[in-house]
Amino acid sequence: MTTTMTTTLIPTTPLTKVEKDVAALAAAGLGPHTIAARLRLAPSTVKKYLHVLRLKLDCRGAPHHILVHVILSAGQVPTPAARRPAPDVSPEQVRLWRAHAVHRRAPDIAQAAGIAPSTVKKHTAQLLTAVGARGLTHLVILGHAWDQFTAQSTAPAHFPGGHR
């Protein structure tokens, strides 16, 4: 059974100052423990803030890299600047890059990227190498810094009830 993804407009629920601080550090690629140390909060408190961000930005259940995409797409924090020029990637790699920004499941990523589900891992590894990304969150951050995402192709995902 194939699940289709629906997209919605990003809600404009305002973030508190601390939520924006957590969002900015997440969008800079930091994990919960590092964010906690920077903000002098308990890691469990940061995890609660990340949960609240997912609720306010309507991406319940989204993995960290998709939450970062939604934060940046919503303009909740400034996009981090690229420290180097964008690499030359193929149109197929751009489709895969965009698919990772909004999907978490391999079949959905494969369908959006136009590749076989069995090759998602291989193609993703090649994309990470080509871009010089350390992982999916870094890949999304670089995609925003290099303006690889358009509103039409990477509308943030809606995660009804935490499914996706």
Protein backbone atom coordinates (compact mmCIF):
# COMPACT_ATOMS: atom_id res chain seq x y z
CA MET A 1 0.00 0.00 0.00
CA THR A 2 1.46 3.36 -1.00
CA THR A 3 0.90 6.35 1.22
CA THR A 4 0.59 9.68 -0.50
CA MET A 5 2.04 12.77 1.01
CA THR A 6 -0.04 15.86 1.42
CA THR A 7 1.39 19.29 1.79
CA THR A 8 -0.01 22.23 3.64
CA LEU A 9 0.91 25.82 4.11
CA ILE A 10 3.24 26.35 7.01
CA PRO A 11 1.30 27.67 10.00
CA THR A 12 2.23 31.10 11.23
CA THR A 13 2.10 30.21 14.91
CA PRO A 14 4.64 32.56 16.46
CA LEU A 15 7.61 31.04 18.21
CA THR A 16 8.81 32.22 21.60
CA LYS A 17 12.34 33.58 21.92
CA VAL A 18 13.65 30.32 23.36
CA GLU A 19 11.89 28.29 20.63
CA LYS A 20 13.53 30.53 18.01
CA ASP A 21 16.91 30.04 19.72
CA VAL A 22 16.46 26.25 19.66
CA ALA A 23 15.23 26.40 16.05
CA ALA A 24 18.23 28.50 14.97
CA LEU A 25 20.71 26.09 16.54
CA ALA A 26 18.89 23.08 15.04
CA ALA A 27 18.97 24.83 11.64
CA ALA A 28 22.70 25.33 12.11
CA GLY A 29 23.06 21.55 12.34
CA LEU A 30 23.40 21.09 16.08
CA GLY A 31 21.85 18.15 17.91
CA PRO A 32 19.83 18.32 21.13
CA HIS A 33 22.77 17.80 23.50
CA THR A 34 24.87 20.52 21.88
CA ILE A 35 21.88 22.88 21.77
CA ALA A 36 21.32 22.17 25.48
CA ALA A 37 24.93 23.01 26.30
CA ARG A 38 24.84 26.24 24.25
CA LEU A 39 21.59 27.42 25.82
CA ARG A 40 22.39 26.07 29.29
CA LEU A 41 19.32 23.89 29.32
CA ALA A 42 18.82 20.24 30.13
CA PRO A 43 18.86 17.97 27.07
CA SER A 44 15.35 16.80 28.01
CA THR A 45 14.17 20.42 27.95
CA VAL A 46 15.62 20.90 24.46
CA LYS A 47 13.90 17.72 23.29
CA LYS A 48 10.63 19.15 24.61
CA TYR A 49 11.26 22.38 22.69
CA LEU A 50 11.93 20.37 19.52
CA HIS A 51 8.65 18.55 20.10
CA VAL A 52 6.84 21.89 20.49
CA LEU A 53 8.47 23.14 17.28
CA ARG A 54 7.16 20.07 15.46
CA LEU A 55 3.67 20.80 16.79
CA LYS A 56 3.74 24.51 15.99
CA LEU A 57 5.18 23.94 12.52
CA ASP A 58 2.75 21.09 11.80
CA CYS A 59 5.32 18.40 11.22
CA ARG A 60 4.54 15.97 14.03
CA GLY A 61 6.70 12.89 13.90
CA ALA A 62 9.12 14.38 11.39
CA PRO A 63 12.77 13.37 11.68
CA HIS A 64 15.28 16.08 12.54
CA HIS A 65 16.33 16.84 8.96
CA ILE A 66 12.73 17.44 7.88
CA LEU A 67 12.11 19.62 10.95
CA VAL A 68 15.14 21.69 9.92
CA HIS A 69 13.74 21.99 6.38
CA VAL A 70 10.40 23.21 7.74
CA ILE A 71 12.09 25.71 10.09
CA LEU A 72 14.12 27.16 7.23
CA SER A 73 11.27 27.05 4.70
CA ALA A 74 9.00 28.87 7.15
CA GLY A 75 11.56 31.63 7.55
CA GLN A 76 11.51 31.12 11.31
CA VAL A 77 15.29 31.65 11.41
CA PRO A 78 17.80 32.98 8.89
CA THR A 79 19.27 30.44 6.51
CA PRO A 80 22.86 29.64 7.43
CA ALA A 81 25.36 30.98 4.89
CA ALA A 82 27.21 28.56 2.67
CA ARG A 83 30.93 28.48 3.41
CA ARG A 84 31.77 27.21 -0.06
CA PRO A 85 30.23 27.30 -3.54
CA ALA A 86 27.55 24.80 -4.49
CA PRO A 87 28.86 21.68 -6.21
CA ASP A 88 27.78 20.71 -9.67
CA VAL A 89 25.13 18.02 -9.27
CA SER A 90 22.91 16.31 -11.80
CA PRO A 91 19.17 17.02 -12.10
CA GLU A 92 18.58 13.49 -10.77
CA GLN A 93 20.65 14.28 -7.68
CA VAL A 94 18.72 17.52 -7.16
CA ARG A 95 15.44 15.53 -7.26
CA LEU A 96 16.82 13.13 -4.66
CA TRP A 97 18.07 16.06 -2.55
CA ARG A 98 14.62 17.65 -2.62
CA ALA A 99 12.91 14.32 -1.89
CA HIS A 100 14.99 13.88 1.27
CA ALA A 101 13.90 17.31 2.49
CA VAL A 102 10.25 16.29 2.66
CA HIS A 103 10.08 12.49 2.86
CA ARG A 104 11.40 10.02 5.38
CA ARG A 105 10.45 6.64 3.96
CA ALA A 106 12.55 5.09 1.19
CA PRO A 107 9.56 4.26 -1.04
CA ASP A 108 8.35 7.88 -0.87
CA ILE A 109 11.85 9.24 -1.46
CA ALA A 110 12.29 6.87 -4.42
CA GLN A 111 8.97 7.86 -5.97
CA ALA A 112 9.68 11.59 -5.60
CA ALA A 113 13.22 11.18 -6.96
CA GLY A 114 12.25 8.86 -9.79
CA ILE A 115 14.52 6.01 -8.69
CA ALA A 116 14.01 2.44 -7.54
CA PRO A 117 13.41 2.06 -3.79
CA SER A 118 16.21 -0.50 -3.62
CA THR A 119 18.71 2.13 -4.80
CA VAL A 120 17.81 4.97 -2.41
CA LYS A 121 20.67 4.19 0.02
CA LYS A 122 23.24 3.94 -2.77
CA HIS A 123 22.13 7.15 -4.48
CA THR A 124 21.89 8.97 -1.15
CA ALA A 125 25.45 7.98 -0.25
CA GLN A 126 26.63 9.25 -3.65
CA LEU A 127 24.73 12.53 -3.15
CA LEU A 128 26.17 13.06 0.33
CA THR A 129 29.66 12.55 -1.09
CA ALA A 130 29.04 14.83 -4.09
CA VAL A 131 27.71 17.61 -1.87
CA GLY A 132 30.16 17.05 0.97
CA ALA A 133 27.37 16.64 3.53
CA ARG A 134 27.88 14.79 6.82
CA GLY A 135 24.31 13.50 6.89
CA LEU A 136 20.73 14.30 5.96
CA THR A 137 20.42 17.34 8.25
CA HIS A 138 23.61 18.83 6.83
CA LEU A 139 22.35 18.02 3.31
CA VAL A 140 19.13 19.98 3.98
CA ILE A 141 21.02 22.92 5.49
CA LEU A 142 23.34 23.07 2.47
CA GLY A 143 20.34 22.81 0.16
CA HIS A 144 18.87 25.92 1.73
CA ALA A 145 22.20 27.75 1.80
CA TRP A 146 22.70 27.03 -1.91
CA ASP A 147 19.06 27.73 -2.79
CA GLN A 148 18.46 24.22 -4.11
CA PHE A 149 14.87 24.16 -2.85
CA THR A 150 11.95 25.92 -4.42
CA ALA A 151 8.58 26.41 -2.75
CA GLN A 152 6.89 24.30 -5.41
CA SER A 153 9.22 21.31 -5.31
CA THR A 154 9.80 21.06 -1.57
CA ALA A 155 6.68 22.24 0.19
CA PRO A 156 7.12 21.12 3.79
CA ALA A 157 5.44 17.89 4.64
CA HIS A 158 2.33 17.56 6.74
CA PHE A 159 2.68 14.74 9.23
CA PRO A 160 -0.86 13.99 10.38
CA GLY A 161 -0.88 12.18 13.69
CA GLY A 162 2.86 11.61 13.59
CA HIS A 163 2.72 9.21 10.64
CA ARG A 164 5.39 9.34 7.90
